[in-house]
Structure formats: structure tokens, C-alpha cells
N, C-alpha and C. Protein backbone atom coordinates (compact mmCIF):
# COMPACT_ATOMS: atom_id res chain seq x y z
N UNK A 1 14.22 24.18 -12.93
CA UNK A 1 12.82 23.41 -13.39
C UNK A 1 11.76 23.21 -12.39
N UNK A 2 10.36 23.52 -13.18
CA UNK A 2 9.78 23.42 -12.18
C UNK A 2 8.80 22.13 -13.11
N UNK A 3 8.07 21.73 -12.00
CA UNK A 3 7.26 20.71 -11.81
C UNK A 3 6.47 20.69 -13.39
N UNK A 4 5.92 20.20 -14.12
CA UNK A 4 5.39 20.25 -15.15
C UNK A 4 3.57 18.96 -14.96
N UNK A 5 2.80 19.30 -15.48
CA UNK A 5 1.27 18.60 -15.19
C UNK A 5 1.74 16.88 -15.33
N UNK A 6 2.51 16.77 -16.78
CA UNK A 6 3.65 15.67 -16.92
C UNK A 6 3.81 14.91 -16.05
N UNK A 7 4.69 15.67 -15.14
CA UNK A 7 5.58 15.30 -13.79
C UNK A 7 4.52 14.97 -12.55
N UNK A 8 3.34 15.20 -12.75
CA UNK A 8 2.21 15.30 -12.05
C UNK A 8 1.65 14.05 -12.04
N UNK A 9 1.43 13.35 -13.34
CA UNK A 9 0.84 12.39 -13.79
C UNK A 9 1.47 11.27 -13.44
N UNK A 10 3.20 11.66 -13.91
CA UNK A 10 3.76 10.35 -13.40
C UNK A 10 3.89 10.17 -11.83
N UNK A 11 3.64 11.11 -11.47
CA UNK A 11 3.69 11.04 -9.15
C UNK A 11 2.51 10.45 -9.16
N UNK A 12 1.31 10.16 -10.22
CA UNK A 12 0.60 9.81 -9.64
C UNK A 12 0.60 8.12 -10.05
N UNK A 13 1.12 8.21 -11.18
CA UNK A 13 0.97 6.41 -11.85
C UNK A 13 1.66 5.74 -10.65
N UNK A 14 2.87 6.81 -10.57
CA UNK A 14 4.39 6.13 -8.91
C UNK A 14 3.29 5.34 -8.21
N UNK A 15 2.35 6.19 -7.53
CA UNK A 15 1.63 6.18 -6.29
C UNK A 15 0.79 4.94 -6.65
N UNK A 16 -0.06 5.14 -7.45
CA UNK A 16 -0.64 3.54 -8.29
C UNK A 16 -0.25 2.38 -8.07
N UNK A 17 1.17 2.39 -9.03
CA UNK A 17 2.00 1.17 -9.05
C UNK A 17 2.59 0.62 -7.42
N UNK A 18 2.60 1.58 -6.41
CA UNK A 18 3.16 1.45 -5.61
C UNK A 18 1.88 1.36 -4.27
N UNK A 19 0.46 1.92 -4.58
CA UNK A 19 -0.23 1.85 -3.23
C UNK A 19 -1.48 1.41 -4.73
N UNK A 20 -1.60 0.01 -4.84
CA UNK A 20 -2.75 0.18 -6.06
C UNK A 20 -4.05 -0.03 -5.41
N UNK A 21 -4.23 -0.01 -4.05
CA UNK A 21 -5.66 -0.23 -3.69
C UNK A 21 -6.11 0.99 -3.68
N UNK A 22 -5.46 1.89 -3.67
CA UNK A 22 -5.65 4.03 -3.68
C UNK A 22 -6.16 4.09 -5.11
N UNK A 23 -5.66 2.79 -6.00
CA UNK A 23 -5.67 3.63 -7.59
C UNK A 23 -6.95 4.30 -7.98
N UNK A 24 -8.52 3.77 -7.54
CA UNK A 24 -9.50 4.77 -7.65
C UNK A 24 -9.62 6.08 -7.53
N UNK A 25 -9.12 6.03 -5.77
CA UNK A 25 -8.96 7.48 -5.67
C UNK A 25 -8.09 8.15 -6.09
N UNK A 26 -6.86 7.75 -6.82
CA UNK A 26 -5.84 8.72 -6.76
C UNK A 26 -5.89 9.03 -8.00
N UNK A 27 -6.99 8.22 -9.21
CA UNK A 27 -7.41 8.81 -10.90
C UNK A 27 -8.77 9.75 -10.82
N UNK A 28 -8.74 9.58 -9.25
CA UNK A 28 -10.45 10.47 -8.80
C UNK A 28 -10.44 11.98 -8.86
N UNK A 29 -8.91 12.41 -8.90
CA UNK A 29 -8.70 13.89 -8.26
C UNK A 29 -8.54 14.57 -9.15
N UNK A 30 -8.86 15.71 -9.63
CA UNK A 30 -8.14 16.46 -10.64
C UNK A 30 -7.30 17.29 -9.79
N UNK A 31 -6.23 17.32 -10.89
CA UNK A 31 -4.82 18.17 -10.71
C UNK A 31 -5.29 20.43 -11.11
N UNK A 32 -4.74 20.75 -9.76
CA UNK A 32 -4.50 21.89 -9.83
C UNK A 32 -3.54 22.64 -10.06
N UNK A 33 -2.41 22.89 -11.01
CA UNK A 33 -1.23 23.41 -10.32
C UNK A 33 -1.08 24.86 -9.53
N UNK A 34 -0.74 25.00 -8.41
CA UNK A 34 -1.10 25.98 -7.35
C UNK A 34 0.66 26.87 -7.20
N UNK A 35 0.81 27.18 -7.79
CA UNK A 35 2.64 28.09 -7.65
C UNK A 35 2.29 28.64 -6.16
N UNK A 36 3.24 28.32 -5.14
CA UNK A 36 3.02 29.21 -4.40
C UNK A 36 2.95 28.90 -2.75
N UNK A 37 1.76 27.58 -3.05
CA UNK A 37 0.90 27.30 -2.35
C UNK A 37 2.69 26.41 -1.08
N UNK A 38 3.29 26.28 -1.64
CA UNK A 38 4.03 25.44 -0.76
C UNK A 38 3.70 23.87 -0.73
N UNK A 39 2.96 23.65 -0.78
CA UNK A 39 2.32 22.17 -0.37
C UNK A 39 1.83 21.34 -1.75
N UNK A 40 1.27 20.77 -1.05
CA UNK A 40 0.13 19.56 -2.02
C UNK A 40 -1.46 19.70 -0.68
N UNK A 41 -2.73 19.88 -1.45
CA UNK A 41 -3.67 19.82 -0.50
C UNK A 41 -4.92 19.18 -1.48
N UNK A 42 -6.00 19.29 -0.98
CA UNK A 42 -7.57 19.00 -1.73
C UNK A 42 -8.46 19.22 -1.13
N UNK A 43 -9.53 19.34 -1.88
CA UNK A 43 -10.98 20.12 -0.86
C UNK A 43 -11.82 18.77 -1.62
N UNK A 44 -12.87 19.45 -0.99
CA UNK A 44 -14.25 18.51 -0.98
C UNK A 44 -14.84 17.52 -2.14
N UNK A 45 -14.36 19.14 -3.57
CA UNK A 45 -14.29 18.21 -4.79
C UNK A 45 -13.27 17.43 -5.26
N UNK A 46 -12.25 16.76 -4.33
CA UNK A 46 -11.76 15.80 -5.02
C UNK A 46 -10.30 16.68 -6.21
N UNK A 47 -10.70 17.76 -5.67
CA UNK A 47 -9.34 18.52 -6.89
C UNK A 47 -8.36 18.58 -5.98
N UNK A 48 -6.98 18.36 -6.17
CA UNK A 48 -5.68 18.41 -5.89
C UNK A 48 -4.91 19.50 -6.28
N UNK A 49 -4.86 20.07 -5.44
CA UNK A 49 -3.89 21.17 -5.21
C UNK A 49 -2.11 20.72 -4.95
N UNK A 50 -1.36 21.35 -6.23
CA UNK A 50 -0.26 21.00 -5.98
C UNK A 50 0.79 22.37 -6.57
N UNK A 51 1.59 23.08 -5.68
CA UNK A 51 3.03 23.39 -5.97
C UNK A 51 3.88 22.79 -6.44
N UNK A 52 3.86 23.44 -7.68
CA UNK A 52 4.91 22.46 -8.26
C UNK A 52 6.55 21.97 -8.25
N UNK A 53 6.74 23.66 -7.16
CA UNK A 53 8.18 23.94 -6.88
C UNK A 53 8.32 22.47 -5.84
N UNK A 54 7.39 22.24 -5.61
CA UNK A 54 7.04 21.01 -4.13
C UNK A 54 7.85 20.11 -4.61
N UNK A 55 7.77 19.72 -6.13
CA UNK A 55 8.49 18.53 -6.33
C UNK A 55 9.80 18.48 -7.26
N UNK A 56 10.03 19.69 -6.89
CA UNK A 56 11.38 19.82 -7.04
C UNK A 56 12.23 19.83 -5.74
N UNK A 57 11.59 19.96 -4.61
CA UNK A 57 12.20 20.03 -3.44
C UNK A 57 12.10 18.33 -2.86
N UNK A 58 11.18 17.60 -2.29
CA UNK A 58 10.59 16.87 -2.09
C UNK A 58 11.70 15.61 -2.53
N UNK A 59 11.69 14.66 -2.09
CA UNK A 59 12.14 13.63 -2.49
C UNK A 59 11.16 12.64 -3.35
N UNK A 60 11.64 11.64 -4.22
CA UNK A 60 10.42 11.23 -4.68
C UNK A 60 9.34 10.62 -3.42
N UNK A 61 10.18 9.69 -3.30
CA UNK A 61 9.26 9.34 -2.23
C UNK A 61 8.66 10.08 -0.78
N UNK A 62 9.17 10.81 -0.52
CA UNK A 62 8.43 12.10 0.23
C UNK A 62 6.99 12.66 -0.96
N UNK A 63 6.98 12.54 -2.27
CA UNK A 63 5.77 13.17 -2.90
C UNK A 63 5.70 12.01 -2.91
N UNK A 64 5.76 10.56 -3.41
CA UNK A 64 4.42 9.78 -3.07
C UNK A 64 3.45 9.61 -1.79
N UNK A 65 4.37 10.38 -0.80
CA UNK A 65 3.90 9.80 0.62
C UNK A 65 2.60 11.27 0.58
N UNK A 66 3.28 12.29 0.31
CA UNK A 66 2.09 13.45 0.63
C UNK A 66 0.98 13.26 -0.43
N UNK A 67 1.03 12.54 -1.55
CA UNK A 67 0.11 12.05 -2.30
C UNK A 67 -0.82 10.96 -1.71
N UNK A 68 0.01 10.15 -1.49
CA UNK A 68 -1.32 9.06 -0.28
C UNK A 68 -1.79 9.93 0.67
N UNK A 69 -1.03 10.44 2.06
CA UNK A 69 -1.63 11.13 2.54
C UNK A 69 -2.74 12.27 2.40
N UNK A 70 -2.44 12.99 1.31
CA UNK A 70 -3.85 13.44 0.41
C UNK A 70 -5.48 13.04 0.13
N UNK A 71 -4.97 11.86 -0.03
CA UNK A 71 -5.83 11.03 -0.78
C UNK A 71 -6.93 10.41 0.46
N UNK A 72 -6.10 10.34 1.60
CA UNK A 72 -6.85 9.85 3.00
C UNK A 72 -7.44 11.25 3.46
N UNK A 73 -7.02 12.23 3.24
CA UNK A 73 -8.60 13.35 3.61
C UNK A 73 -9.49 12.87 2.82
N UNK A 74 -9.46 12.54 1.65
CA UNK A 74 -10.55 12.42 1.00
C UNK A 74 -11.31 11.17 1.06
N UNK A 75 -10.50 10.23 1.28
CA UNK A 75 -11.51 8.85 1.92
C UNK A 75 -11.85 9.08 2.68
N UNK A 76 -10.63 9.82 4.38
CA UNK A 76 -11.51 10.19 5.55
C UNK A 76 -13.02 11.18 5.77
N UNK A 77 -12.85 11.31 4.60
CA UNK A 77 -14.32 12.36 4.34
C UNK A 77 -13.73 13.20 5.65
N UNK A 78 -12.93 13.87 5.66
CA UNK A 78 -12.12 15.22 6.63
C UNK A 78 -13.34 16.66 6.07
N UNK A 79 -13.67 16.76 5.26
CA UNK A 79 -14.43 17.90 5.13
C UNK A 79 -15.77 17.74 5.41
N UNK A 80 -16.13 16.73 5.52
CA UNK A 80 -18.15 16.47 5.92
C UNK A 80 -18.05 16.60 7.46
N UNK A 81 -16.85 15.93 8.08
CA UNK A 81 -16.50 15.43 9.42
C UNK A 81 -16.19 17.09 9.83
N UNK A 82 -15.41 17.63 9.55
CA UNK A 82 -14.77 19.05 9.77
C UNK A 82 -16.39 20.32 10.19
N UNK A 83 -17.53 19.52 8.82
CA UNK A 83 -18.15 20.81 8.72
C UNK A 83 -19.36 20.09 9.90
N UNK A 84 -19.60 18.96 10.15
CA UNK A 84 -20.18 18.20 11.15
C UNK A 84 -19.75 18.96 12.16
N UNK A 85 -19.17 19.11 12.62
CA UNK A 85 -18.54 20.21 14.01
C UNK A 85 -18.71 21.44 13.69
N UNK A 86 -19.21 21.76 12.67
CA UNK A 86 -19.34 24.01 12.45
C UNK A 86 -17.97 24.33 11.75
N UNK A 87 -17.23 23.50 11.56
CA UNK A 87 -16.16 24.18 10.87
C UNK A 87 -16.49 24.02 9.25
N UNK A 88 -16.71 24.89 8.90
CA UNK A 88 -17.26 25.03 7.23
C UNK A 88 -17.25 26.49 6.61
N UNK A 89 -17.26 26.82 5.52
CA UNK A 89 -16.71 28.09 5.23
C UNK A 89 -18.20 28.35 5.27
N UNK A 90 -17.88 30.42 5.47
CA UNK A 90 -19.02 30.85 5.89
C UNK A 90 -20.09 30.83 4.38
N UNK A 91 -21.64 31.43 4.66
CA UNK A 91 -21.98 31.83 3.27
C UNK A 91 -21.60 32.43 2.84
N UNK A 92 -21.79 33.06 1.54
CA UNK A 92 -21.41 33.53 0.39
C UNK A 92 -20.72 35.18 0.72
N UNK A 93 -20.21 35.83 0.81
CA UNK A 93 -19.98 37.20 1.10
C UNK A 93 -19.53 37.61 2.68
N UNK A 94 -19.77 36.73 3.19
CA UNK A 94 -19.14 36.23 4.48
C UNK A 94 -18.07 36.38 5.10
N UNK A 95 -17.29 36.73 5.46
CA UNK A 95 -15.63 37.00 5.88
C UNK A 95 -15.80 35.83 6.73
N UNK A 96 -14.90 34.76 7.39
CA UNK A 96 -15.07 33.92 8.34
C UNK A 96 -14.47 34.74 9.54
N UNK A 97 -14.93 34.05 10.98
CA UNK A 97 -14.52 34.11 11.70
C UNK A 97 -12.94 33.95 12.32
N UNK A 98 -12.80 34.62 13.17
CA UNK A 98 -10.88 34.21 13.61
C UNK A 98 -11.43 32.98 14.45
N UNK A 99 -11.97 32.71 15.03
CA UNK A 99 -12.64 31.34 15.78
C UNK A 99 -12.56 30.04 14.76
N UNK A 100 -12.93 30.74 13.73
CA UNK A 100 -13.53 29.53 11.99
C UNK A 100 -11.93 29.52 11.96
N UNK A 101 -11.57 30.27 11.26
CA UNK A 101 -10.20 30.21 11.12
C UNK A 101 -9.35 29.44 11.76
N UNK A 102 -9.40 29.70 13.39
CA UNK A 102 -8.81 29.23 14.37
C UNK A 102 -9.21 27.44 13.94
N UNK A 103 -10.21 27.53 14.19
CA UNK A 103 -10.90 25.83 14.58
C UNK A 103 -10.25 25.23 13.13
N UNK A 104 -10.42 25.56 12.13
CA UNK A 104 -10.64 25.19 10.55
C UNK A 104 -8.71 24.79 10.34
N UNK A 105 -7.58 25.88 11.31
CA UNK A 105 -6.25 24.88 10.97
C UNK A 105 -6.17 24.29 12.04
N UNK A 106 -6.14 24.49 12.87
CA UNK A 106 -6.64 23.09 14.15
C UNK A 106 -7.06 21.93 13.66
N UNK A 107 -8.37 21.15 12.63
CA UNK A 107 -8.76 20.59 12.59
C UNK A 107 -7.68 20.00 11.63
N UNK A 108 -7.11 20.97 10.95
CA UNK A 108 -6.59 20.40 9.53
C UNK A 108 -5.64 19.34 10.15
N UNK A 109 -4.56 20.28 11.08
CA UNK A 109 -3.68 19.87 11.91
C UNK A 109 -3.68 18.28 12.90
N UNK A 110 -5.02 18.22 13.47
CA UNK A 110 -5.58 17.00 14.17
C UNK A 110 -5.53 16.02 12.50
N UNK A 111 -6.68 16.36 11.36
CA UNK A 111 -6.29 15.24 10.96
C UNK A 111 -5.33 14.82 10.56
N UNK A 112 -4.30 15.86 9.98
CA UNK A 112 -2.64 15.87 9.21
C UNK A 112 -2.18 13.98 10.39
N UNK A 113 -2.52 14.78 11.82
CA UNK A 113 -2.19 13.40 12.65
C UNK A 113 -2.61 12.31 12.84
N UNK A 114 -3.78 12.43 12.30
CA UNK A 114 -4.70 10.93 12.19
C UNK A 114 -4.49 10.42 11.07
N UNK A 115 -3.92 11.03 10.50
CA UNK A 115 -3.31 10.65 9.10
C UNK A 115 -1.76 9.66 9.05
N UNK A 116 -0.77 10.92 8.91
CA UNK A 116 0.19 10.42 9.24
C UNK A 116 0.54 9.31 10.20
N UNK A 117 0.10 9.30 11.99
CA UNK A 117 0.13 8.75 12.19
C UNK A 117 -0.01 7.11 12.10
N UNK A 118 -0.83 7.19 11.02
CA UNK A 118 -1.16 5.24 10.45
C UNK A 118 -0.24 5.34 8.82
N UNK A 119 0.21 6.37 8.17
CA UNK A 119 0.84 5.77 7.50
C UNK A 119 2.08 5.87 6.77
N UNK A 120 2.93 6.29 7.98
CA UNK A 120 4.65 6.80 8.09
C UNK A 120 5.15 5.20 8.15
N UNK A 121 4.29 3.86 8.69
CA UNK A 121 4.79 3.22 8.54
C UNK A 121 5.01 2.34 6.43
N UNK A 122 4.11 3.34 5.98
CA UNK A 122 4.21 2.61 4.95
C UNK A 122 4.70 3.90 4.06
N UNK A 123 4.87 4.94 4.04
CA UNK A 123 5.60 6.44 3.27
C UNK A 123 6.60 7.00 3.78
N UNK A 124 6.86 8.10 3.38
CA UNK A 124 7.83 8.60 3.75
C UNK A 124 7.50 9.87 3.80
N UNK A 125 7.41 10.39 4.66
CA UNK A 125 6.97 12.04 4.65
C UNK A 125 7.79 12.92 4.99
N UNK A 126 7.66 14.57 3.99
CA UNK A 126 8.54 15.31 4.16
C UNK A 126 8.97 16.01 5.99
N UNK A 127 9.94 15.52 6.38
CA UNK A 127 10.38 16.21 8.06
C UNK A 127 9.60 16.93 8.67
N UNK A 128 8.34 18.18 7.72
CA UNK A 128 7.49 18.94 8.29
C UNK A 128 6.11 18.32 8.89
N UNK A 129 6.11 17.28 7.87
CA UNK A 129 5.01 16.63 8.54
C UNK A 129 4.34 16.40 9.99
N UNK A 130 2.95 16.61 10.03
CA UNK A 130 2.55 16.52 11.41
C UNK A 130 2.68 15.22 11.70
N UNK A 131 2.78 15.13 13.10
CA UNK A 131 2.68 13.61 14.04
C UNK A 131 2.05 13.81 15.33
N UNK A 132 1.64 13.00 15.84
CA UNK A 132 0.61 12.97 17.13
C UNK A 132 1.77 13.56 18.56
N UNK A 133 3.21 12.44 18.38
CA UNK A 133 4.59 13.02 19.40
C UNK A 133 4.66 14.46 19.33
N UNK A 134 4.29 15.12 18.03
CA UNK A 134 5.02 16.57 18.06
C UNK A 134 4.28 17.34 19.78
N UNK A 135 3.10 16.56 19.42
CA UNK A 135 1.91 17.87 20.09
C UNK A 135 1.72 17.43 21.69
N UNK A 136 3.00 16.20 22.12
CA UNK A 136 2.21 15.10 23.30
C UNK A 136 1.54 14.68 23.23
N UNK A 137 1.26 13.82 21.98
CA UNK A 137 -0.15 13.20 22.14
C UNK A 137 -0.20 11.78 21.84
N UNK A 138 -1.24 10.95 21.76
CA UNK A 138 -0.77 9.67 22.09
C UNK A 138 -1.23 9.31 20.55
N UNK A 139 -0.82 8.13 20.32
CA UNK A 139 -0.31 7.35 18.76
C UNK A 139 -1.62 6.72 18.62
N UNK A 140 -2.53 6.75 16.94
CA UNK A 140 -3.51 5.41 17.24
C UNK A 140 -5.35 6.22 17.19
N UNK A 141 -5.01 7.32 17.90
CA UNK A 141 -6.23 7.95 17.82
C UNK A 141 -7.47 8.55 16.40
N UNK A 142 -8.38 9.14 16.55
CA UNK A 142 -8.74 9.63 16.19
C UNK A 142 -9.23 11.28 15.45
N UNK A 143 -9.21 11.79 14.04
CA UNK A 143 -9.46 12.95 14.47
C UNK A 143 -9.57 13.93 15.37
N UNK A 144 -11.06 13.77 15.49
CA UNK A 144 -11.76 14.28 16.54
C UNK A 144 -11.28 14.55 18.37
N UNK A 145 -10.36 13.46 18.30
CA UNK A 145 -9.95 13.19 19.62
C UNK A 145 -8.73 14.07 19.33
N UNK A 146 -7.48 13.91 18.41
CA UNK A 146 -6.92 15.31 18.12
C UNK A 146 -7.44 16.71 18.20
N UNK A 147 -8.04 16.87 17.82
CA UNK A 147 -8.88 17.85 17.35
C UNK A 147 -9.13 19.07 18.74
N UNK A 148 -9.74 18.13 19.50
CA UNK A 148 -10.57 17.99 20.98
C UNK A 148 -8.96 18.33 21.63
N UNK A 149 -8.38 17.54 21.96
CA UNK A 149 -6.46 17.92 22.41
C UNK A 149 -6.05 18.91 21.93
N UNK A 150 -6.49 19.47 21.13
CA UNK A 150 -5.51 20.71 20.66
C UNK A 150 -6.03 21.97 20.86
N UNK A 151 -7.35 21.73 20.74
CA UNK A 151 -8.12 22.80 21.44
C UNK A 151 -8.12 23.02 22.74
N UNK A 152 -7.24 22.39 23.49
CA UNK A 152 -7.04 22.34 24.76
C UNK A 152 -6.23 23.74 25.11
């Protein structure tokens, strides 16, 4: 059985109950079911992309943890901060360069490390979650620090 939009809404409600200070952000996201994605993700337009299959794989606590994680990408303005570093989608009709694709991937890992390093004390995350120690980096740094170190 795969998840439906009702399941995703119930997950959002459960997350709000556990983290009421995130309520406005959690309810501001539009949900887009994205089968085959293998995870959850957000974009700068506050759309939450969810592969319904992960809701069958992850525990309920992990689902809540990932939802909190995704909200933190938005609250920390990771899309805007990436753009300030030149990590932005190319103009329409132009394919992204390999360099841009690499930087975008590294930025995402760096931002995941910055978020997960802080929220791991409050939430349960899937075992595949990026944390600074996996990359032999110190805890407690900001995304830009992790990005610079990972790019080395």
C-alpha cells in the first residue's frame, strides 16, 4: 500500500503537534507527490516533494524527522544562500554545466549536514542522513563552512 495525500497531511499534522513552533512553515508548504524520487525535498517555492513509497519504508518518527529537516531548508533560506554563491539554475534553455551540478550536489550535502547536526537531538532521521562526522567535519558549523570544506 502506498501513501496518499491524506497520509502526508496526517504526517504534517503529527509533526505540527510535536513541533508547534514550526506550524506556520509546515502548513505553508504545498505538497507534490513525486513517485520514484526516493525521498522528500523542497524547492524555493515552498513545494514539498514526497515520494509516497518512503512513507512505507521509514518509521513514523523518521518521517517526522525528515519533514522537520525539509522545513529547515526553507527557514534557513538555503536556495537564496546557494544563489548568492553562484549555485543557481541556469537560464531557460541552457543546460547546467558539470561544475554547477557538482556544486549544487555538494551544497545540498553541506546544508543537510548543517541542519542534521542540530536537529538530530530532537528527531529521528533515516540511517542515510548526512551528518558532519560522516565527512570527518566538526559539528556546529554553518552550511557555508561545510560547503567550503567539502569542495576541497
